[in-house]
Protein backbone atom coordinates (compact mmCIF):
# COMPACT_ATOMS: atom_id res chain seq x y z
CA UNK A 1 -0.10 0.21 0.06
CA UNK A 2 2.81 2.71 -0.37
CA UNK A 3 2.57 3.51 -3.20
CA UNK A 4 -1.48 4.51 -2.67
CA UNK A 5 -0.61 6.14 0.33
CA UNK A 6 2.17 8.22 -1.85
CA UNK A 7 -0.40 9.19 -4.72
CA UNK A 8 -2.31 9.64 -1.65
CA UNK A 9 -0.46 12.38 -0.32
CA UNK A 10 0.23 13.73 -3.43
CA UNK A 11 -3.31 14.91 -4.20
CA UNK A 12 -3.24 16.19 -0.50
CA UNK A 13 -0.06 18.18 -0.60
CA UNK A 14 -0.50 19.18 -3.76
CA UNK A 15 -4.43 20.60 -2.88
CA UNK A 16 -2.90 22.29 -0.05
CA UNK A 17 -0.36 24.68 -2.12
CA UNK A 18 -2.98 25.14 -4.56
CA UNK A 19 -5.29 26.31 -2.33
CA UNK A 20 -2.71 29.20 -1.01
CA UNK A 21 -1.61 30.72 -4.51
CA UNK A 22 -5.83 30.49 -5.09
CA UNK A 23 -6.40 34.08 -3.15
CA UNK A 24 -3.63 35.43 -5.33
CA UNK A 25 -4.71 34.51 -8.42
CA UNK A 26 -6.70 36.87 -11.08
CA UNK A 27 -9.89 35.68 -12.78
CA UNK A 28 -8.14 35.94 -16.39
CA UNK A 29 -5.79 33.57 -14.63
CA UNK A 30 -8.46 31.56 -13.53
CA UNK A 31 -10.20 31.15 -15.91
CA UNK A 32 -7.03 29.82 -18.67
CA UNK A 33 -6.31 27.32 -15.96
CA UNK A 34 -10.07 26.36 -16.60
CA UNK A 35 -9.05 25.67 -20.08
CA UNK A 36 -5.48 24.29 -19.68
CA UNK A 37 -7.59 21.68 -17.02
CA UNK A 38 -10.59 21.12 -19.94
CA UNK A 39 -7.67 20.38 -22.76
CA UNK A 40 -5.87 18.43 -20.60
CA UNK A 41 -8.42 15.99 -19.59
CA UNK A 42 -9.55 16.05 -23.11
CA UNK A 43 -6.16 14.62 -23.82
CA UNK A 44 -6.07 12.61 -21.22
CA UNK A 45 -9.50 10.75 -22.07
CA UNK A 46 -8.41 10.99 -25.51
CA UNK A 47 -4.89 9.64 -25.38
CA UNK A 48 -6.92 6.91 -23.11
CA UNK A 49 -8.99 5.48 -26.15
CA UNK A 50 -6.77 5.26 -28.52
CA UNK A 51 -3.98 3.35 -26.49
CA UNK A 52 -6.62 1.15 -24.95
CA UNK A 53 -9.68 0.52 -27.97
CA UNK A 54 -8.12 -1.26 -30.43
CA UNK A 55 -7.29 -4.29 -28.59
CA UNK A 56 -11.00 -4.63 -26.89
CA UNK A 57 -11.82 -7.87 -27.64
CA UNK A 58 -15.55 -6.96 -27.44
CA UNK A 59 -15.78 -3.67 -29.23
CA UNK A 60 -19.13 -3.06 -28.23
CA UNK A 61 -19.15 -3.47 -24.70
CA UNK A 62 -18.41 -0.23 -24.06
CA UNK A 63 -20.76 1.59 -25.88
CA UNK A 64 -23.82 -1.17 -23.86
CA UNK A 65 -22.03 -0.26 -20.61
CA UNK A 66 -22.53 3.48 -21.06
CA UNK A 67 -25.94 3.24 -21.73
CA UNK A 68 -27.29 0.80 -19.65
CA UNK A 69 -24.62 2.06 -16.95
CA UNK A 70 -26.25 6.31 -17.24
CA UNK A 71 -29.77 4.40 -17.17
CA UNK A 72 -28.93 3.64 -13.95
CA UNK A 73 -26.89 6.61 -12.54
CA UNK A 74 -30.10 8.94 -14.00
CA UNK A 75 -32.46 6.39 -12.14
CA UNK A 76 -29.95 6.96 -8.63
CA UNK A 77 -29.14 10.61 -9.81
CA UNK A 78 -25.52 10.45 -8.93
CA UNK A 79 -24.56 13.57 -10.38
CA UNK A 80 -27.46 15.75 -8.42
CA UNK A 81 -27.24 14.09 -4.83
CA UNK A 82 -23.42 15.02 -4.95
CA UNK A 83 -23.78 18.12 -6.15
CA UNK A 84 -25.85 19.01 -3.46
CA UNK A 85 -23.46 17.18 -0.74
CA UNK A 86 -20.88 19.28 -1.94
CA UNK A 87 -22.14 22.72 -2.53
CA UNK A 88 -24.12 21.92 1.52
CA UNK A 89 -20.84 22.21 3.23
CA UNK A 90 -18.92 24.49 -0.12
CA UNK A 91 -19.39 27.90 -2.49
CA UNK A 92 -18.75 28.20 -5.67
CA UNK A 93 -18.22 25.39 -8.19
CA UNK A 94 -15.98 22.76 -6.23
CA UNK A 95 -18.52 19.84 -6.65
CA UNK A 96 -17.31 20.22 -10.70
CA UNK A 97 -13.69 20.45 -9.74
CA UNK A 98 -14.47 17.76 -7.44
CA UNK A 99 -15.82 15.28 -10.12
CA UNK A 100 -13.24 15.97 -12.70
CA UNK A 101 -10.57 15.48 -9.83
CA UNK A 102 -12.01 12.04 -8.69
CA UNK A 103 -11.77 10.77 -12.71
CA UNK A 104 -8.41 12.16 -13.72
CA UNK A 105 -6.79 10.74 -10.30
CA UNK A 106 -9.01 7.54 -10.00
CA UNK A 107 -10.36 6.44 -13.21
CA UNK A 108 -6.72 6.10 -15.84
CA UNK A 109 -4.36 3.61 -17.07
CA UNK A 110 -1.73 4.01 -14.30
CA UNK A 111 -4.70 4.05 -11.57
CA UNK A 112 -5.79 1.42 -12.46
CA UNK A 113 -2.93 -0.49 -13.16
CA UNK A 114 -0.65 0.66 -10.54
CA UNK A 115 -2.02 -0.96 -7.75
CA UNK A 116 -2.46 -4.44 -9.14
CA UNK A 117 1.76 -4.48 -10.30
CA UNK A 118 1.79 -3.32 -7.10
CA UNK A 119 0.02 -6.20 -4.98
CA UNK A 120 1.18 -9.49 -7.94
CA UNK A 121 4.97 -7.66 -8.09
CA UNK A 122 5.19 -5.81 -5.32
CA UNK A 123 6.22 -2.85 -8.28
CA UNK A 124 5.59 0.84 -7.20
CA UNK A 125 6.81 2.72 -10.55
CA UNK A 126 2.87 3.00 -11.78
CA UNK A 127 1.96 4.21 -8.43
CA UNK A 128 5.00 6.40 -7.95
CA UNK A 129 4.82 7.91 -11.41
CA UNK A 130 1.27 8.14 -11.13
CA UNK A 131 1.28 9.92 -7.69
CA UNK A 132 3.75 12.74 -9.07
CA UNK A 133 1.98 13.49 -11.75
CA UNK A 134 -1.44 13.68 -9.86
CA UNK A 135 0.61 16.05 -7.47
CA UNK A 136 0.96 18.56 -9.85
CA UNK A 137 -2.67 18.43 -11.48
CA UNK A 138 -3.89 18.76 -7.98
CA UNK A 139 -2.34 22.01 -7.52
CA UNK A 140 -3.90 23.34 -11.13
CA UNK A 141 -7.18 22.52 -9.39
CA UNK A 142 -6.80 23.17 -6.38
CA UNK A 143 -5.78 27.38 -7.44
CA UNK A 144 -9.07 26.86 -9.37
CA UNK A 145 -11.18 25.67 -7.05
CA UNK A 146 -9.76 25.38 -3.99
CA UNK A 147 -8.28 23.02 -0.82
CA UNK A 148 -11.89 20.70 -1.28
CA UNK A 149 -10.17 18.95 -4.34
CA UNK A 150 -8.28 17.44 -1.16
CA UNK A 151 -11.27 15.27 -0.74
CA UNK A 152 -10.35 13.50 -4.00
CA UNK A 153 -7.12 12.17 -2.28
CA UNK A 154 -9.42 10.12 0.21
CA UNK A 155 -11.67 8.63 -2.24
CA UNK A 156 -8.17 8.24 -4.90
CA UNK A 157 -7.11 5.45 -1.77
CA UNK A 158 -10.16 4.02 -1.21
CA UNK A 159 -10.13 3.36 -5.28
CA UNK A 160 -6.96 2.19 -5.14
CA UNK A 161 -6.79 -0.02 -1.96
CA UNK A 162 -9.80 -2.18 -3.06
CA UNK A 163 -8.33 -2.66 -6.34
CA UNK A 164 -4.85 -3.37 -4.26
CA UNK A 165 -6.67 -6.38 -1.96
CA UNK A 166 -8.52 -7.67 -4.88
CA UNK A 167 -5.83 -8.23 -6.92
CA UNK A 168 -4.48 -9.70 -3.96
CA UNK A 169 -7.12 -11.73 -3.54
CA UNK A 170 -7.47 -13.13 -7.32
CA UNK A 171 -4.02 -13.59 -7.59
CA UNK A 172 -2.37 -14.16 -11.52
CA UNK A 173 -6.28 -15.05 -12.27
CA UNK A 174 -7.25 -10.80 -12.17
CA UNK A 175 -8.17 -10.37 -16.11
CA UNK A 176 -6.10 -7.95 -18.24
CA UNK A 177 -8.98 -8.05 -20.77
CA UNK A 178 -11.35 -6.40 -17.75
CA UNK A 179 -8.63 -4.02 -16.84
CA UNK A 180 -8.84 -2.91 -20.49
CA UNK A 181 -12.53 -2.33 -20.80
CA UNK A 182 -12.32 -0.43 -17.95
CA UNK A 183 -9.75 2.09 -19.17
CA UNK A 184 -11.92 2.90 -22.48
CA UNK A 185 -14.92 3.92 -20.48
CA UNK A 186 -12.51 5.81 -18.26
CA UNK A 187 -11.27 7.80 -20.50
CA UNK A 188 -14.75 8.51 -22.20
CA UNK A 189 -15.62 10.27 -19.38
CA UNK A 190 -12.75 11.71 -18.57
CA UNK A 191 -13.22 13.32 -22.20
CA UNK A 192 -16.76 13.59 -21.17
CA UNK A 193 -15.13 15.48 -18.06
CA UNK A 194 -13.33 18.36 -20.28
CA UNK A 195 -15.60 18.98 -22.25
CA UNK A 196 -18.02 20.15 -19.77
CA UNK A 197 -15.20 22.11 -17.74
CA UNK A 198 -14.22 23.64 -21.38
CA UNK A 199 -18.30 24.40 -21.87
CA UNK A 200 -18.09 22.64 -25.00
CA UNK A 201 -20.76 20.53 -23.78
CA UNK A 202 -22.35 19.75 -20.39
CA UNK A 203 -22.53 16.36 -19.48
CA UNK A 204 -23.68 14.35 -16.33
CA UNK A 205 -20.32 12.35 -15.78
CA UNK A 206 -21.57 11.44 -12.43
CA UNK A 207 -24.04 9.70 -13.77
CA UNK A 208 -22.45 7.49 -16.23
CA UNK A 209 -20.30 6.06 -13.39
CA UNK A 210 -22.10 2.99 -13.30
CA UNK A 211 -20.86 2.48 -16.66
CA UNK A 212 -18.08 0.94 -14.79
CA UNK A 213 -19.88 -1.80 -13.34
CA UNK A 214 -20.90 -3.60 -16.55
CA UNK A 215 -17.62 -4.94 -17.71
CA UNK A 216 -17.29 -6.48 -14.07
CA UNK A 217 -20.72 -8.07 -14.18
CA UNK A 218 -20.20 -9.20 -18.08
CA UNK A 219 -16.63 -10.72 -17.34
CA UNK A 220 -18.24 -12.60 -14.07
CA UNK A 221 -20.38 -13.95 -16.87
CA UNK A 222 -17.85 -14.96 -18.97
């Protein structure tokens, strides 16, 4: 769990550093940082799709997952409940920033494969690299959305910790094809988040999160 703890601490430290500089940044600079984060999220999402979609053995699965997962998320109204909870304890647009941070930090190749490599091989390379990247990203996010971005570090700890424990329990039987499908769906969600930040199109990305559960269910049956 060393790699996950390091990753979490980097996000928290980055959030603190970014929040210190937040009040000293003019609105024009806040706007350009928002644009930078939107473009970065789009780039990461497209990169995940380009890398993993061609190697998918079930090219229709991500479409079905998004459709079914979206219906489930809409029924549960995850986006509105999350926004209401965050806005109850904060001001501004923290809910948008926090949802983006959670997607960027948790739904990525390094964040998914890192705990698996750590559990099966004792290799922390992915997690250490991911921690440095997330630390830098959290600084930029916190200068725009505030110290609340640190909450995403707690979410990441639970996420990676769960993957780590599952990998230990399953051992070498863990399915790489499943990880590939999860990364594809994650890339689409991150891309959608980037488009929302840029104001091109508002997506209810949190309502689409249950899409990540569909491949797991399908692979259990397979």
